[in-house]
């Protein structure tokens, strides 16, 4: 498959999921899955994230066909500091909450996160 819709449909079928099932898992209406598969819609980043997660693949693979390995589970015998952080569920929760905000509220979240990072960097200097 050479496009997002084709890769999405192919992988969804390989996983044995209907459009409705994938939509329910990903928190979007099943007709949107069909629109993406038929090249009538391009999903927002957060939607693409949830679709990739529920298909156990990467956003990069859905978009480009490259990087087929899933970032959503640890590979055996690989131990890094990031592996010990249970960020998938936290990131999913954050994205779900962030999606419910308007543009001004989203900008406030970004400014707050930048402030926290600034403070953290200032304290470690």
PDB file of N, CA and C in Angstrom:
ATOM      1  N   UNK A   1       0.839  -1.183   0.000  1.00  0.00           N
ATOM      2  CA  UNK A   1       0.000   0.000   0.000  1.00  0.00           C
ATOM      3  C   UNK A   1       0.881   1.242   0.000  1.00  0.00           C
ATOM      4  N   UNK A   2       0.489   2.228  -0.734  1.00  0.00           N
ATOM      5  CA  UNK A   2       1.335   3.402  -0.883  1.00  0.00           C
ATOM      6  C   UNK A   2       0.783   4.650  -0.224  1.00  0.00           C
ATOM      7  N   UNK A   3      -0.349   4.555   0.438  1.00  0.00           N
ATOM      8  CA  UNK A   3      -0.893   5.757   1.066  1.00  0.00           C
ATOM      9  C   UNK A   3      -1.451   5.430   2.445  1.00  0.00           C
ATOM     10  N   UNK A   4      -1.699   6.482   3.203  1.00  0.00           N
ATOM     11  CA  UNK A   4      -2.211   6.346   4.564  1.00  0.00           C
ATOM     12  C   UNK A   4      -3.474   5.498   4.606  1.00  0.00           C
ATOM     13  N   UNK A   5      -4.446   5.811   3.767  1.00  0.00           N
ATOM     14  CA  UNK A   5      -5.710   5.082   3.781  1.00  0.00           C
ATOM     15  C   UNK A   5      -5.539   3.600   3.490  1.00  0.00           C
ATOM     16  N   UNK A   6      -4.707   3.298   2.509  1.00  0.00           N
ATOM     17  CA  UNK A   6      -4.463   1.903   2.154  1.00  0.00           C
ATOM     18  C   UNK A   6      -3.756   1.146   3.259  1.00  0.00           C
ATOM     19  N   UNK A   7      -2.747   1.786   3.857  1.00  0.00           N
ATOM     20  CA  UNK A   7      -2.035   1.133   4.973  1.00  0.00           C
ATOM     21  C   UNK A   7      -2.959   0.923   6.160  1.00  0.00           C
ATOM     22  N   UNK A   8      -3.774   1.925   6.452  1.00  0.00           N
ATOM     23  CA  UNK A   8      -4.716   1.826   7.561  1.00  0.00           C
ATOM     24  C   UNK A   8      -5.683   0.661   7.338  1.00  0.00           C
ATOM     25  N   UNK A   9      -6.284   0.599   6.167  1.00  0.00           N
ATOM     26  CA  UNK A   9      -7.257  -0.453   5.876  1.00  0.00           C
ATOM     27  C   UNK A   9      -6.593  -1.828   5.923  1.00  0.00           C
ATOM     28  N   UNK A  10      -5.422  -1.955   5.307  1.00  0.00           N
ATOM     29  CA  UNK A  10      -4.722  -3.227   5.275  1.00  0.00           C
ATOM     30  C   UNK A  10      -4.412  -3.718   6.689  1.00  0.00           C
ATOM     31  N   UNK A  11      -3.871  -2.840   7.520  1.00  0.00           N
ATOM     32  CA  UNK A  11      -3.517  -3.242   8.879  1.00  0.00           C
ATOM     33  C   UNK A  11      -4.756  -3.513   9.722  1.00  0.00           C
ATOM     34  N   UNK A  12      -5.786  -2.701   9.550  1.00  0.00           N
ATOM     35  CA  UNK A  12      -7.044  -2.925  10.290  1.00  0.00           C
ATOM     36  C   UNK A  12      -7.608  -4.304   9.975  1.00  0.00           C
ATOM     37  N   UNK A  13      -7.608  -4.665   8.697  1.00  0.00           N
ATOM     38  CA  UNK A  13      -8.123  -5.975   8.302  1.00  0.00           C
ATOM     39  C   UNK A  13      -7.236  -7.105   8.827  1.00  0.00           C
ATOM     40  N   UNK A  14      -5.909  -6.900   8.801  1.00  0.00           N
ATOM     41  CA  UNK A  14      -4.998  -7.914   9.346  1.00  0.00           C
ATOM     42  C   UNK A  14      -5.226  -8.130  10.829  1.00  0.00           C
ATOM     43  N   UNK A  15      -5.621  -7.084  11.535  1.00  0.00           N
ATOM     44  CA  UNK A  15      -5.902  -7.183  12.973  1.00  0.00           C
ATOM     45  C   UNK A  15      -7.309  -7.720  13.236  1.00  0.00           C
ATOM     46  N   UNK A  16      -8.095  -7.909  12.152  1.00  0.00           N
ATOM     47  CA  UNK A  16      -9.441  -8.451  12.302  1.00  0.00           C
ATOM     48  C   UNK A  16     -10.437  -7.474  12.878  1.00  0.00           C
ATOM     49  N   UNK A  17     -10.232  -6.188  12.637  1.00  0.00           N
ATOM     50  CA  UNK A  17     -11.116  -5.159  13.185  1.00  0.00           C
ATOM     51  C   UNK A  17     -12.012  -4.574  12.101  1.00  0.00           C
ATOM     52  N   UNK A  18     -13.242  -4.276  12.476  1.00  0.00           N
ATOM     53  CA  UNK A  18     -14.118  -3.522  11.581  1.00  0.00           C
ATOM     54  C   UNK A  18     -13.818  -2.042  11.760  1.00  0.00           C
ATOM     55  N   UNK A  19     -14.341  -1.235  10.856  1.00  0.00           N
ATOM     56  CA  UNK A  19     -14.174   0.206  11.012  1.00  0.00           C
ATOM     57  C   UNK A  19     -14.818   0.670  12.318  1.00  0.00           C
ATOM     58  N   UNK A  20     -15.955   0.103  12.641  1.00  0.00           N
ATOM     59  CA  UNK A  20     -16.646   0.483  13.880  1.00  0.00           C
ATOM     60  C   UNK A  20     -15.821   0.108  15.108  1.00  0.00           C
ATOM     61  N   UNK A  21     -15.219  -1.070  15.098  1.00  0.00           N
ATOM     62  CA  UNK A  21     -14.404  -1.489  16.242  1.00  0.00           C
ATOM     63  C   UNK A  21     -13.187  -0.594  16.413  1.00  0.00           C
ATOM     64  N   UNK A  22     -12.493  -0.311  15.308  1.00  0.00           N
ATOM     65  CA  UNK A  22     -11.330   0.574  15.394  1.00  0.00           C
ATOM     66  C   UNK A  22     -11.751   1.974  15.820  1.00  0.00           C
ATOM     67  N   UNK A  23     -12.868   2.437  15.317  1.00  0.00           N
ATOM     68  CA  UNK A  23     -13.374   3.744  15.716  1.00  0.00           C
ATOM     69  C   UNK A  23     -13.664   3.808  17.203  1.00  0.00           C
ATOM     70  N   UNK A  24     -14.313   2.768  17.737  1.00  0.00           N
ATOM     71  CA  UNK A  24     -14.608   2.721  19.178  1.00  0.00           C
ATOM     72  C   UNK A  24     -13.330   2.701  19.997  1.00  0.00           C
ATOM     73  N   UNK A  25     -12.361   1.889  19.582  1.00  0.00           N
ATOM     74  CA  UNK A  25     -11.096   1.822  20.306  1.00  0.00           C
ATOM     75  C   UNK A  25     -10.352   3.153  20.279  1.00  0.00           C
ATOM     76  N   UNK A  26     -10.447   3.838  19.142  1.00  0.00           N
ATOM     77  CA  UNK A  26      -9.681   5.074  18.939  1.00  0.00           C
ATOM     78  C   UNK A  26     -10.431   6.327  19.368  1.00  0.00           C
ATOM     79  N   UNK A  27     -11.699   6.179  19.726  1.00  0.00           N
ATOM     80  CA  UNK A  27     -12.477   7.320  20.193  1.00  0.00           C
ATOM     81  C   UNK A  27     -12.975   8.227  19.080  1.00  0.00           C
ATOM     82  N   UNK A  28     -13.134   7.673  17.876  1.00  0.00           N
ATOM     83  CA  UNK A  28     -13.672   8.470  16.770  1.00  0.00           C
ATOM     84  C   UNK A  28     -14.797   7.692  16.106  1.00  0.00           C
ATOM     85  N   UNK A  29     -15.632   8.373  15.364  1.00  0.00           N
ATOM     86  CA  UNK A  29     -16.760   7.719  14.707  1.00  0.00           C
ATOM     87  C   UNK A  29     -16.251   6.838  13.568  1.00  0.00           C
ATOM     88  N   UNK A  30     -16.902   5.694  13.386  1.00  0.00           N
ATOM     89  CA  UNK A  30     -16.444   4.741  12.368  1.00  0.00           C
ATOM     90  C   UNK A  30     -16.476   5.317  10.953  1.00  0.00           C
ATOM     91  N   UNK A  31     -17.355   6.274  10.695  1.00  0.00           N
ATOM     92  CA  UNK A  31     -17.380   6.865   9.352  1.00  0.00           C
ATOM     93  C   UNK A  31     -16.096   7.634   9.065  1.00  0.00           C
ATOM     94  N   UNK A  32     -15.468   8.158  10.117  1.00  0.00           N
ATOM     95  CA  UNK A  32     -14.189   8.846   9.915  1.00  0.00           C
ATOM     96  C   UNK A  32     -13.086   7.868   9.526  1.00  0.00           C
ATOM     97  N   UNK A  33     -13.142   6.643  10.064  1.00  0.00           N
ATOM     98  CA  UNK A  33     -12.185   5.614   9.650  1.00  0.00           C
ATOM     99  C   UNK A  33     -12.358   5.357   8.158  1.00  0.00           C
ATOM    100  N   UNK A  34     -13.590   5.221   7.716  1.00  0.00           N
ATOM    101  CA  UNK A  34     -13.874   5.008   6.297  1.00  0.00           C
ATOM    102  C   UNK A  34     -13.398   6.164   5.431  1.00  0.00           C
ATOM    103  N   UNK A  35     -13.596   7.373   5.898  1.00  0.00           N
ATOM    104  CA  UNK A  35     -13.142   8.546   5.133  1.00  0.00           C
ATOM    105  C   UNK A  35     -11.624   8.564   4.990  1.00  0.00           C
ATOM    106  N   UNK A  36     -10.927   8.196   6.065  1.00  0.00           N
ATOM    107  CA  UNK A  36      -9.463   8.152   6.009  1.00  0.00           C
ATOM    108  C   UNK A  36      -9.022   7.061   5.032  1.00  0.00           C
ATOM    109  N   UNK A  37      -9.643   5.896   5.136  1.00  0.00           N
ATOM    110  CA  UNK A  37      -9.276   4.780   4.256  1.00  0.00           C
ATOM    111  C   UNK A  37      -9.546   5.104   2.789  1.00  0.00           C
ATOM    112  N   UNK A  38     -10.579   5.866   2.529  1.00  0.00           N
ATOM    113  CA  UNK A  38     -10.940   6.206   1.150  1.00  0.00           C
ATOM    114  C   UNK A  38     -10.302   7.504   0.659  1.00  0.00           C
ATOM    115  N   UNK A  39      -9.338   8.004   1.402  1.00  0.00           N
ATOM    116  CA  UNK A  39      -8.592   9.223   1.055  1.00  0.00           C
ATOM    117  C   UNK A  39      -9.475  10.466   0.977  1.00  0.00           C
ATOM    118  N   UNK A  40     -10.569  10.460   1.732  1.00  0.00           N
ATOM    119  CA  UNK A  40     -11.448  11.625   1.773  1.00  0.00           C
ATOM    120  C   UNK A  40     -11.215  12.487   2.997  1.00  0.00           C
ATOM    121  N   UNK A  41     -10.319  12.052   3.892  1.00  0.00           N
ATOM    122  CA  UNK A  41     -10.030  12.822   5.102  1.00  0.00           C
ATOM    123  C   UNK A  41      -8.612  12.527   5.554  1.00  0.00           C
ATOM    124  N   UNK A  42      -7.991  13.539   6.131  1.00  0.00           N
ATOM    125  CA  UNK A  42      -6.680  13.383   6.752  1.00  0.00           C
ATOM    126  C   UNK A  42      -6.893  13.620   8.240  1.00  0.00           C
ATOM    127  N   UNK A  43      -6.557  12.637   9.066  1.00  0.00           N
ATOM    128  CA  UNK A  43      -6.829  12.777  10.499  1.00  0.00           C
ATOM    129  C   UNK A  43      -5.899  13.773  11.172  1.00  0.00           C
ATOM    130  N   UNK A  44      -6.392  14.368  12.242  1.00  0.00           N
ATOM    131  CA  UNK A  44      -5.553  15.220  13.077  1.00  0.00           C
ATOM    132  C   UNK A  44      -4.532  14.342  13.788  1.00  0.00           C
ATOM    133  N   UNK A  45      -3.480  14.949  14.275  1.00  0.00           N
ATOM    134  CA  UNK A  45      -2.375  14.211  14.886  1.00  0.00           C
ATOM    135  C   UNK A  45      -2.832  13.343  16.051  1.00  0.00           C
ATOM    136  N   UNK A  46      -3.700  13.852  16.916  1.00  0.00           N
ATOM    137  CA  UNK A  46      -4.125  13.068  18.066  1.00  0.00           C
ATOM    138  C   UNK A  46      -4.962  11.861  17.646  1.00  0.00           C
ATOM    139  N   UNK A  47      -5.774  12.024  16.619  1.00  0.00           N
ATOM    140  CA  UNK A  47      -6.562  10.908  16.107  1.00  0.00           C
ATOM    141  C   UNK A  47      -5.635   9.859  15.506  1.00  0.00           C
ATOM    142  N   UNK A  48      -4.656  10.312  14.751  1.00  0.00           N
ATOM    143  CA  UNK A  48      -3.696   9.393  14.144  1.00  0.00           C
ATOM    144  C   UNK A  48      -2.922   8.635  15.218  1.00  0.00           C
ATOM    145  N   UNK A  49      -2.598   9.302  16.297  1.00  0.00           N
ATOM    146  CA  UNK A  49      -1.908   8.655  17.419  1.00  0.00           C
ATOM    147  C   UNK A  49      -2.748   7.507  17.981  1.00  0.00           C
ATOM    148  N   UNK A  50      -4.030   7.767  18.243  1.00  0.00           N
ATOM    149  CA  UNK A  50      -4.889   6.739  18.826  1.00  0.00           C
ATOM    150  C   UNK A  50      -5.124   5.584  17.847  1.00  0.00           C
ATOM    151  N   UNK A  51      -5.247   5.896  16.570  1.00  0.00           N
ATOM    152  CA  UNK A  51      -5.392   4.837  15.569  1.00  0.00           C
ATOM    153  C   UNK A  51      -4.138   3.968  15.553  1.00  0.00           C
ATOM    154  N   UNK A  52      -2.961   4.611  15.501  1.00  0.00           N
ATOM    155  CA  UNK A  52      -1.700   3.859  15.479  1.00  0.00           C
ATOM    156  C   UNK A  52      -1.573   2.999  16.726  1.00  0.00           C
ATOM    157  N   UNK A  53      -1.903   3.562  17.868  1.00  0.00           N
ATOM    158  CA  UNK A  53      -1.786   2.811  19.115  1.00  0.00           C
ATOM    159  C   UNK A  53      -2.681   1.584  19.091  1.00  0.00           C
ATOM    160  N   UNK A  54      -3.898   1.747  18.634  1.00  0.00           N
ATOM    161  CA  UNK A  54      -4.838   0.630  18.627  1.00  0.00           C
ATOM    162  C   UNK A  54      -4.546  -0.390  17.539  1.00  0.00           C
ATOM    163  N   UNK A  55      -3.749  -0.028  16.558  1.00  0.00           N
ATOM    164  CA  UNK A  55      -3.308  -0.984  15.547  1.00  0.00           C
ATOM    165  C   UNK A  55      -1.911  -1.502  15.850  1.00  0.00           C
ATOM    166  N   UNK A  56      -1.346  -1.080  16.973  1.00  0.00           N
ATOM    167  CA  UNK A  56      -0.021  -1.496  17.415  1.00  0.00           C
ATOM    168  C   UNK A  56       1.040  -1.221  16.349  1.00  0.00           C
ATOM    169  N   UNK A  57       1.028  -0.001  15.845  1.00  0.00           N
ATOM    170  CA  UNK A  57       2.026   0.425  14.874  1.00  0.00           C
ATOM    171  C   UNK A  57       2.447   1.839  15.217  1.00  0.00           C
ATOM    172  N   UNK A  58       3.259   2.434  14.378  1.00  0.00           N
ATOM    173  CA  UNK A  58       3.702   3.808  14.621  1.00  0.00           C
ATOM    174  C   UNK A  58       2.963   4.768  13.694  1.00  0.00           C
ATOM    175  N   UNK A  59       2.853   6.002  14.126  1.00  0.00           N
ATOM    176  CA  UNK A  59       2.278   7.043  13.275  1.00  0.00           C
ATOM    177  C   UNK A  59       3.116   7.177  12.006  1.00  0.00           C
ATOM    178  N   UNK A  60       4.430   7.084  12.160  1.00  0.00           N
ATOM    179  CA  UNK A  60       5.320   7.190  11.001  1.00  0.00           C
ATOM    180  C   UNK A  60       4.994   6.129   9.960  1.00  0.00           C
ATOM    181  N   UNK A  61       4.730   4.901  10.415  1.00  0.00           N
ATOM    182  CA  UNK A  61       4.416   3.852   9.449  1.00  0.00           C
ATOM    183  C   UNK A  61       3.093   4.138   8.745  1.00  0.00           C
ATOM    184  N   UNK A  62       2.088   4.579   9.479  1.00  0.00           N
ATOM    185  CA  UNK A  62       0.818   4.901   8.835  1.00  0.00           C
ATOM    186  C   UNK A  62       0.999   5.999   7.790  1.00  0.00           C
ATOM    187  N   UNK A  63       1.805   7.003   8.111  1.00  0.00           N
ATOM    188  CA  UNK A  63       1.987   8.128   7.191  1.00  0.00           C
ATOM    189  C   UNK A  63       2.892   7.806   6.012  1.00  0.00           C
ATOM    190  N   UNK A  64       3.960   7.035   6.254  1.00  0.00           N
ATOM    191  CA  UNK A  64       4.993   6.880   5.222  1.00  0.00           C
ATOM    192  C   UNK A  64       5.232   5.444   4.781  1.00  0.00           C
ATOM    193  N   UNK A  65       4.798   4.480   5.572  1.00  0.00           N
ATOM    194  CA  UNK A  65       5.121   3.093   5.276  1.00  0.00           C
ATOM    195  C   UNK A  65       6.480   2.688   5.809  1.00  0.00           C
ATOM    196  N   UNK A  66       7.159   3.590   6.500  1.00  0.00           N
ATOM    197  CA  UNK A  66       8.466   3.313   7.090  1.00  0.00           C
ATOM    198  C   UNK A  66       8.304   3.177   8.601  1.00  0.00           C
ATOM    199  N   UNK A  67       9.348   2.677   9.267  1.00  0.00           N
ATOM    200  CA  UNK A  67       9.363   2.509  10.721  1.00  0.00           C
ATOM    201  C   UNK A  67       8.204   1.622  11.188  1.00  0.00           C
ATOM    202  N   UNK A  68       8.171   0.361  10.762  1.00  0.00           N
ATOM    203  CA  UNK A  68       7.025  -0.492  11.087  1.00  0.00           C
ATOM    204  C   UNK A  68       6.927  -0.924  12.534  1.00  0.00           C
ATOM    205  N   UNK A  69       7.981  -0.764  13.306  1.00  0.00           N
ATOM    206  CA  UNK A  69       7.919  -1.239  14.678  1.00  0.00           C
ATOM    207  C   UNK A  69       7.022  -0.345  15.523  1.00  0.00           C
ATOM    208  N   UNK A  70       6.361  -0.971  16.456  1.00  0.00           N
ATOM    209  CA  UNK A  70       5.435  -0.241  17.312  1.00  0.00           C
ATOM    210  C   UNK A  70       6.161   0.434  18.460  1.00  0.00           C
ATOM    211  N   UNK A  71       5.859   1.695  18.722  1.00  0.00           N
ATOM    212  CA  UNK A  71       6.420   2.363  19.894  1.00  0.00           C
ATOM    213  C   UNK A  71       5.601   2.117  21.150  1.00  0.00           C
ATOM    214  N   UNK A  72       4.559   1.305  21.067  1.00  0.00           N
ATOM    215  CA  UNK A  72       3.619   1.173  22.168  1.00  0.00           C
ATOM    216  C   UNK A  72       3.882   0.001  23.098  1.00  0.00           C
ATOM    217  N   UNK A  73       4.943  -0.719  22.858  1.00  0.00           N
ATOM    218  CA  UNK A  73       5.318  -1.762  23.794  1.00  0.00           C
ATOM    219  C   UNK A  73       6.824  -1.917  23.754  1.00  0.00           C
ATOM    220  N   UNK A  74       7.375  -2.385  24.856  1.00  0.00           N
ATOM    221  CA  UNK A  74       8.818  -2.568  24.932  1.00  0.00           C
ATOM    222  C   UNK A  74       9.223  -3.830  24.203  1.00  0.00           C
ATOM    223  N   UNK A  75      10.352  -3.761  23.526  1.00  0.00           N
ATOM    224  CA  UNK A  75      10.896  -4.937  22.870  1.00  0.00           C
ATOM    225  C   UNK A  75      11.651  -5.753  23.905  1.00  0.00           C
ATOM    226  N   UNK A  76      11.642  -7.072  23.770  1.00  0.00           N
ATOM    227  CA  UNK A  76      12.379  -7.891  24.729  1.00  0.00           C
ATOM    228  C   UNK A  76      13.864  -7.569  24.699  1.00  0.00           C
ATOM    229  N   UNK A  77      14.487  -7.664  25.874  1.00  0.00           N
ATOM    230  CA  UNK A  77      15.929  -7.481  26.029  1.00  0.00           C
ATOM    231  C   UNK A  77      16.423  -6.080  25.699  1.00  0.00           C
ATOM    232  N   UNK A  78      15.558  -5.117  25.688  1.00  0.00           N
ATOM    233  CA  UNK A  78      15.984  -3.729  25.505  1.00  0.00           C
ATOM    234  C   UNK A  78      15.609  -2.969  26.755  1.00  0.00           C
ATOM    235  N   UNK A  79      16.604  -2.434  27.436  1.00  0.00           N
ATOM    236  CA  UNK A  79      16.347  -1.682  28.656  1.00  0.00           C
ATOM    237  C   UNK A  79      16.943  -0.295  28.518  1.00  0.00           C
ATOM    238  N   UNK A  80      16.069   0.689  28.499  1.00  0.00           N
ATOM    239  CA  UNK A  80      16.507   2.074  28.500  1.00  0.00           C
ATOM    240  C   UNK A  80      15.755   2.774  29.605  1.00  0.00           C
ATOM    241  N   UNK A  81      16.209   3.961  29.948  1.00  0.00           N
ATOM    242  CA  UNK A  81      15.528   4.719  30.999  1.00  0.00           C
ATOM    243  C   UNK A  81      14.086   5.006  30.613  1.00  0.00           C
ATOM    244  N   UNK A  82      13.845   5.262  29.334  1.00  0.00           N
ATOM    245  CA  UNK A  82      12.490   5.587  28.893  1.00  0.00           C
ATOM    246  C   UNK A  82      11.549   4.401  29.017  1.00  0.00           C
ATOM    247  N   UNK A  83      12.078   3.165  28.952  1.00  0.00           N
ATOM    248  CA  UNK A  83      11.225   1.988  29.051  1.00  0.00           C
ATOM    249  C   UNK A  83      10.539   1.898  30.404  1.00  0.00           C
ATOM    250  N   UNK A  84      11.146   2.446  31.435  1.00  0.00           N
ATOM    251  CA  UNK A  84      10.576   2.324  32.767  1.00  0.00           C
ATOM    252  C   UNK A  84       9.498   3.361  33.039  1.00  0.00           C
ATOM    253  N   UNK A  85       9.275   4.270  32.130  1.00  0.00           N
ATOM    254  CA  UNK A  85       8.271   5.314  32.311  1.00  0.00           C
ATOM    255  C   UNK A  85       6.976   4.896  31.619  1.00  0.00           C
ATOM    256  N   UNK A  86       5.880   4.730  32.351  1.00  0.00           N
ATOM    257  CA  UNK A  86       4.622   4.312  31.739  1.00  0.00           C
ATOM    258  C   UNK A  86       3.914   5.491  31.073  1.00  0.00           C
ATOM    259  N   UNK A  87       4.487   6.000  29.992  1.00  0.00           N
ATOM    260  CA  UNK A  87       3.981   7.239  29.416  1.00  0.00           C
ATOM    261  C   UNK A  87       2.861   7.042  28.413  1.00  0.00           C
ATOM    262  N   UNK A  88       2.671   5.849  27.874  1.00  0.00           N
ATOM    263  CA  UNK A  88       1.641   5.659  26.867  1.00  0.00           C
ATOM    264  C   UNK A  88       0.261   6.036  27.381  1.00  0.00           C
ATOM    265  N   UNK A  89      -0.108   5.538  28.560  1.00  0.00           N
ATOM    266  CA  UNK A  89      -1.418   5.843  29.114  1.00  0.00           C
ATOM    267  C   UNK A  89      -1.533   7.311  29.503  1.00  0.00           C
ATOM    268  N   UNK A  90      -0.459   7.860  30.057  1.00  0.00           N
ATOM    269  CA  UNK A  90      -0.475   9.277  30.428  1.00  0.00           C
ATOM    270  C   UNK A  90      -0.593  10.165  29.197  1.00  0.00           C
ATOM    271  N   UNK A  91       0.162   9.817  28.156  1.00  0.00           N
ATOM    272  CA  UNK A  91       0.103  10.603  26.921  1.00  0.00           C
ATOM    273  C   UNK A  91      -1.282  10.512  26.291  1.00  0.00           C
ATOM    274  N   UNK A  92      -1.850   9.341  26.288  1.00  0.00           N
ATOM    275  CA  UNK A  92      -3.191   9.173  25.735  1.00  0.00           C
ATOM    276  C   UNK A  92      -4.210  10.000  26.518  1.00  0.00           C
ATOM    277  N   UNK A  93      -4.088   9.978  27.847  1.00  0.00           N
ATOM    278  CA  UNK A  93      -5.001  10.775  28.671  1.00  0.00           C
ATOM    279  C   UNK A  93      -4.807  12.265  28.406  1.00  0.00           C
ATOM    280  N   UNK A  94      -3.535  12.686  28.323  1.00  0.00           N
ATOM    281  CA  UNK A  94      -3.257  14.094  28.058  1.00  0.00           C
ATOM    282  C   UNK A  94      -3.831  14.512  26.705  1.00  0.00           C
ATOM    283  N   UNK A  95      -3.610  13.702  25.672  1.00  0.00           N
ATOM    284  CA  UNK A  95      -4.120  14.040  24.349  1.00  0.00           C
ATOM    285  C   UNK A  95      -5.643  14.116  24.338  1.00  0.00           C
ATOM    286  N   UNK A  96      -6.274  13.202  25.062  1.00  0.00           N
ATOM    287  CA  UNK A  96      -7.729  13.220  25.141  1.00  0.00           C
ATOM    288  C   UNK A  96      -8.226  14.507  25.794  1.00  0.00           C
ATOM    289  N   UNK A  97      -7.584  14.899  26.883  1.00  0.00           N
ATOM    290  CA  UNK A  97      -7.963  16.142  27.567  1.00  0.00           C
ATOM    291  C   UNK A  97      -7.649  17.360  26.704  1.00  0.00           C
ATOM    292  N   UNK A  98      -6.470  17.356  26.101  1.00  0.00           N
ATOM    293  CA  UNK A  98      -6.024  18.481  25.262  1.00  0.00           C
ATOM    294  C   UNK A  98      -6.981  18.692  24.094  1.00  0.00           C
ATOM    295  N   UNK A  99      -7.477  17.605  23.533  1.00  0.00           N
ATOM    296  CA  UNK A  99      -8.392  17.673  22.400  1.00  0.00           C
ATOM    297  C   UNK A  99      -9.693  18.389  22.759  1.00  0.00           C
ATOM    298  N   UNK A 100     -10.061  18.366  24.023  1.00  0.00           N
ATOM    299  CA  UNK A 100     -11.308  18.986  24.464  1.00  0.00           C
ATOM    300  C   UNK A 100     -11.188  20.492  24.687  1.00  0.00           C
ATOM    301  N   UNK A 101      -9.970  21.022  24.607  1.00  0.00           N
ATOM    302  CA  UNK A 101      -9.740  22.440  24.873  1.00  0.00           C
ATOM    303  C   UNK A 101      -9.882  23.274  23.602  1.00  0.00           C
ATOM    304  N   UNK A 102     -10.210  24.560  23.791  1.00  0.00           N
ATOM    305  CA  UNK A 102     -10.214  25.467  22.644  1.00  0.00           C
ATOM    306  C   UNK A 102      -8.790  25.982  22.420  1.00  0.00           C
ATOM    307  N   UNK A 103      -8.588  26.746  21.366  1.00  0.00           N
ATOM    308  CA  UNK A 103      -7.235  27.206  21.004  1.00  0.00           C
ATOM    309  C   UNK A 103      -6.573  28.022  22.113  1.00  0.00           C
ATOM    310  N   UNK A 104      -7.315  28.910  22.755  1.00  0.00           N
ATOM    311  CA  UNK A 104      -6.738  29.720  23.839  1.00  0.00           C
ATOM    312  C   UNK A 104      -6.316  28.855  25.012  1.00  0.00           C
ATOM    313  N   UNK A 105      -7.132  27.879  25.361  1.00  0.00           N
ATOM    314  CA  UNK A 105      -6.796  26.983  26.467  1.00  0.00           C
ATOM    315  C   UNK A 105      -5.584  26.114  26.118  1.00  0.00           C
ATOM    316  N   UNK A 106      -5.506  25.689  24.861  1.00  0.00           N
ATOM    317  CA  UNK A 106      -4.350  24.898  24.431  1.00  0.00           C
ATOM    318  C   UNK A 106      -3.068  25.722  24.518  1.00  0.00           C
ATOM    319  N   UNK A 107      -3.150  26.983  24.143  1.00  0.00           N
ATOM    320  CA  UNK A 107      -1.976  27.865  24.242  1.00  0.00           C
ATOM    321  C   UNK A 107      -1.542  28.027  25.697  1.00  0.00           C
ATOM    322  N   UNK A 108      -2.509  28.092  26.607  1.00  0.00           N
ATOM    323  CA  UNK A 108      -2.187  28.183  28.031  1.00  0.00           C
ATOM    324  C   UNK A 108      -1.456  26.929  28.508  1.00  0.00           C
ATOM    325  N   UNK A 109      -1.904  25.779  28.057  1.00  0.00           N
ATOM    326  CA  UNK A 109      -1.241  24.519  28.429  1.00  0.00           C
ATOM    327  C   UNK A 109       0.198  24.528  27.929  1.00  0.00           C
ATOM    328  N   UNK A 110       0.411  24.954  26.701  1.00  0.00           N
ATOM    329  CA  UNK A 110       1.768  25.008  26.128  1.00  0.00           C
ATOM    330  C   UNK A 110       2.638  25.979  26.916  1.00  0.00           C
ATOM    331  N   UNK A 111       2.106  27.151  27.218  1.00  0.00           N
ATOM    332  CA  UNK A 111       2.881  28.131  27.991  1.00  0.00           C
ATOM    333  C   UNK A 111       3.241  27.587  29.374  1.00  0.00           C
ATOM    334  N   UNK A 112       2.293  26.904  30.003  1.00  0.00           N
ATOM    335  CA  UNK A 112       2.544  26.339  31.320  1.00  0.00           C
ATOM    336  C   UNK A 112       3.629  25.269  31.248  1.00  0.00           C
ATOM    337  N   UNK A 113       3.556  24.400  30.254  1.00  0.00           N
ATOM    338  CA  UNK A 113       4.574  23.353  30.097  1.00  0.00           C
ATOM    339  C   UNK A 113       5.949  23.973  29.860  1.00  0.00           C
ATOM    340  N   UNK A 114       6.005  25.008  29.038  1.00  0.00           N
ATOM    341  CA  UNK A 114       7.287  25.694  28.793  1.00  0.00           C
ATOM    342  C   UNK A 114       7.819  26.325  30.078  1.00  0.00           C
ATOM    343  N   UNK A 115       6.924  26.876  30.888  1.00  0.00           N
ATOM    344  CA  UNK A 115       7.339  27.472  32.153  1.00  0.00           C
ATOM    345  C   UNK A 115       7.925  26.414  33.080  1.00  0.00           C
ATOM    346  N   UNK A 116       7.264  25.266  33.167  1.00  0.00           N
ATOM    347  CA  UNK A 116       7.767  24.183  34.028  1.00  0.00           C
ATOM    348  C   UNK A 116       9.149  23.744  33.567  1.00  0.00           C
ATOM    349  N   UNK A 117       9.339  23.586  32.271  1.00  0.00           N
ATOM    350  CA  UNK A 117      10.644  23.173  31.739  1.00  0.00           C
ATOM    351  C   UNK A 117      11.689  24.244  32.009  1.00  0.00           C
ATOM    352  N   UNK A 118      11.303  25.501  31.852  1.00  0.00           N
ATOM    353  CA  UNK A 118      12.226  26.605  32.138  1.00  0.00           C
ATOM    354  C   UNK A 118      12.672  26.558  33.602  1.00  0.00           C
ATOM    355  N   UNK A 119      11.692  26.387  34.506  1.00  0.00           N
ATOM    356  CA  UNK A 119      12.006  26.319  35.937  1.00  0.00           C
ATOM    357  C   UNK A 119      12.913  25.127  36.244  1.00  0.00           C
ATOM    358  N   UNK A 120      12.618  24.015  35.638  1.00  0.00           N
ATOM    359  CA  UNK A 120      13.417  22.811  35.854  1.00  0.00           C
ATOM    360  C   UNK A 120      14.865  23.024  35.398  1.00  0.00           C
ATOM    361  N   UNK A 121      15.028  23.630  34.230  1.00  0.00           N
ATOM    362  CA  UNK A 121      16.364  23.899  33.699  1.00  0.00           C
ATOM    363  C   UNK A 121      17.088  24.932  34.541  1.00  0.00           C
ATOM    364  N   UNK A 122      16.369  25.904  35.046  1.00  0.00           N
ATOM    365  CA  UNK A 122      16.948  26.942  35.884  1.00  0.00           C
ATOM    366  C   UNK A 122      17.451  26.358  37.195  1.00  0.00           C
ATOM    367  N   UNK A 123      16.683  25.439  37.789  1.00  0.00           N
ATOM    368  CA  UNK A 123      17.077  24.813  39.052  1.00  0.00           C
ATOM    369  C   UNK A 123      18.267  23.885  38.892  1.00  0.00           C
ATOM    370  N   UNK A 124      18.387  23.243  37.736  1.00  0.00           N
ATOM    371  CA  UNK A 124      19.489  22.296  37.535  1.00  0.00           C
ATOM    372  C   UNK A 124      20.780  22.988  37.102  1.00  0.00           C
ATOM    373  N   UNK A 125      20.731  24.282  36.823  1.00  0.00           N
ATOM    374  CA  UNK A 125      21.946  25.003  36.410  1.00  0.00           C
ATOM    375  C   UNK A 125      22.771  25.446  37.599  1.00  0.00           C
TER     376      UNK A 125
END
